[in-house]
Amino acid sequence: MAYKGAKMDYDRLLEMIRPSDIADTYQPVVSLIGLENFLKLCQYAMGSELYFPTLEGILRNTRRRVILQEYNGYNLQELSKKYGLTQSRIRNLLKRRNKP
C-alpha cells in the first residue's frame, strides 16, 4: 500500500500500526475483518463514508436470482412455499426477469 508523493515513509509506518492505534469507534470493524483488511478498506474509502447494504437486501437479490433459475413453468406453488412469497409476488419477479 505505497503512497505516492509521501513525505513520510508510509509503508514503514503501515507495518507498525497496532489495533490500539485505531479509534475506538472502529474497533468493532477491526475485530470483525482484521487490521489488514481494515487498512485496505480505509485506503479504498479515502475518508469517504461508505454505505453497507443490509444482509436482508443482499438475500432478497439472491432469492430473486435463485427463483428465476428454479422456475420451470410449472412450479409456482412450490416456489411460493419454499421462499415464503405469494404466487403473485413470484409472477411479478418473473415478469421483470429481464429488467435490471
Foldseek 3Di string as FASTA:
>chain_A
DDDPPDPDRVVVVLVVDDLVVDDPVCSVVCVVPNDVVVVVVCVVCVPPDDDDDDPVVVVVVVLLVVLLVPDDPPCLVVSCVVVVHDSVVNVVSVVCVVPD
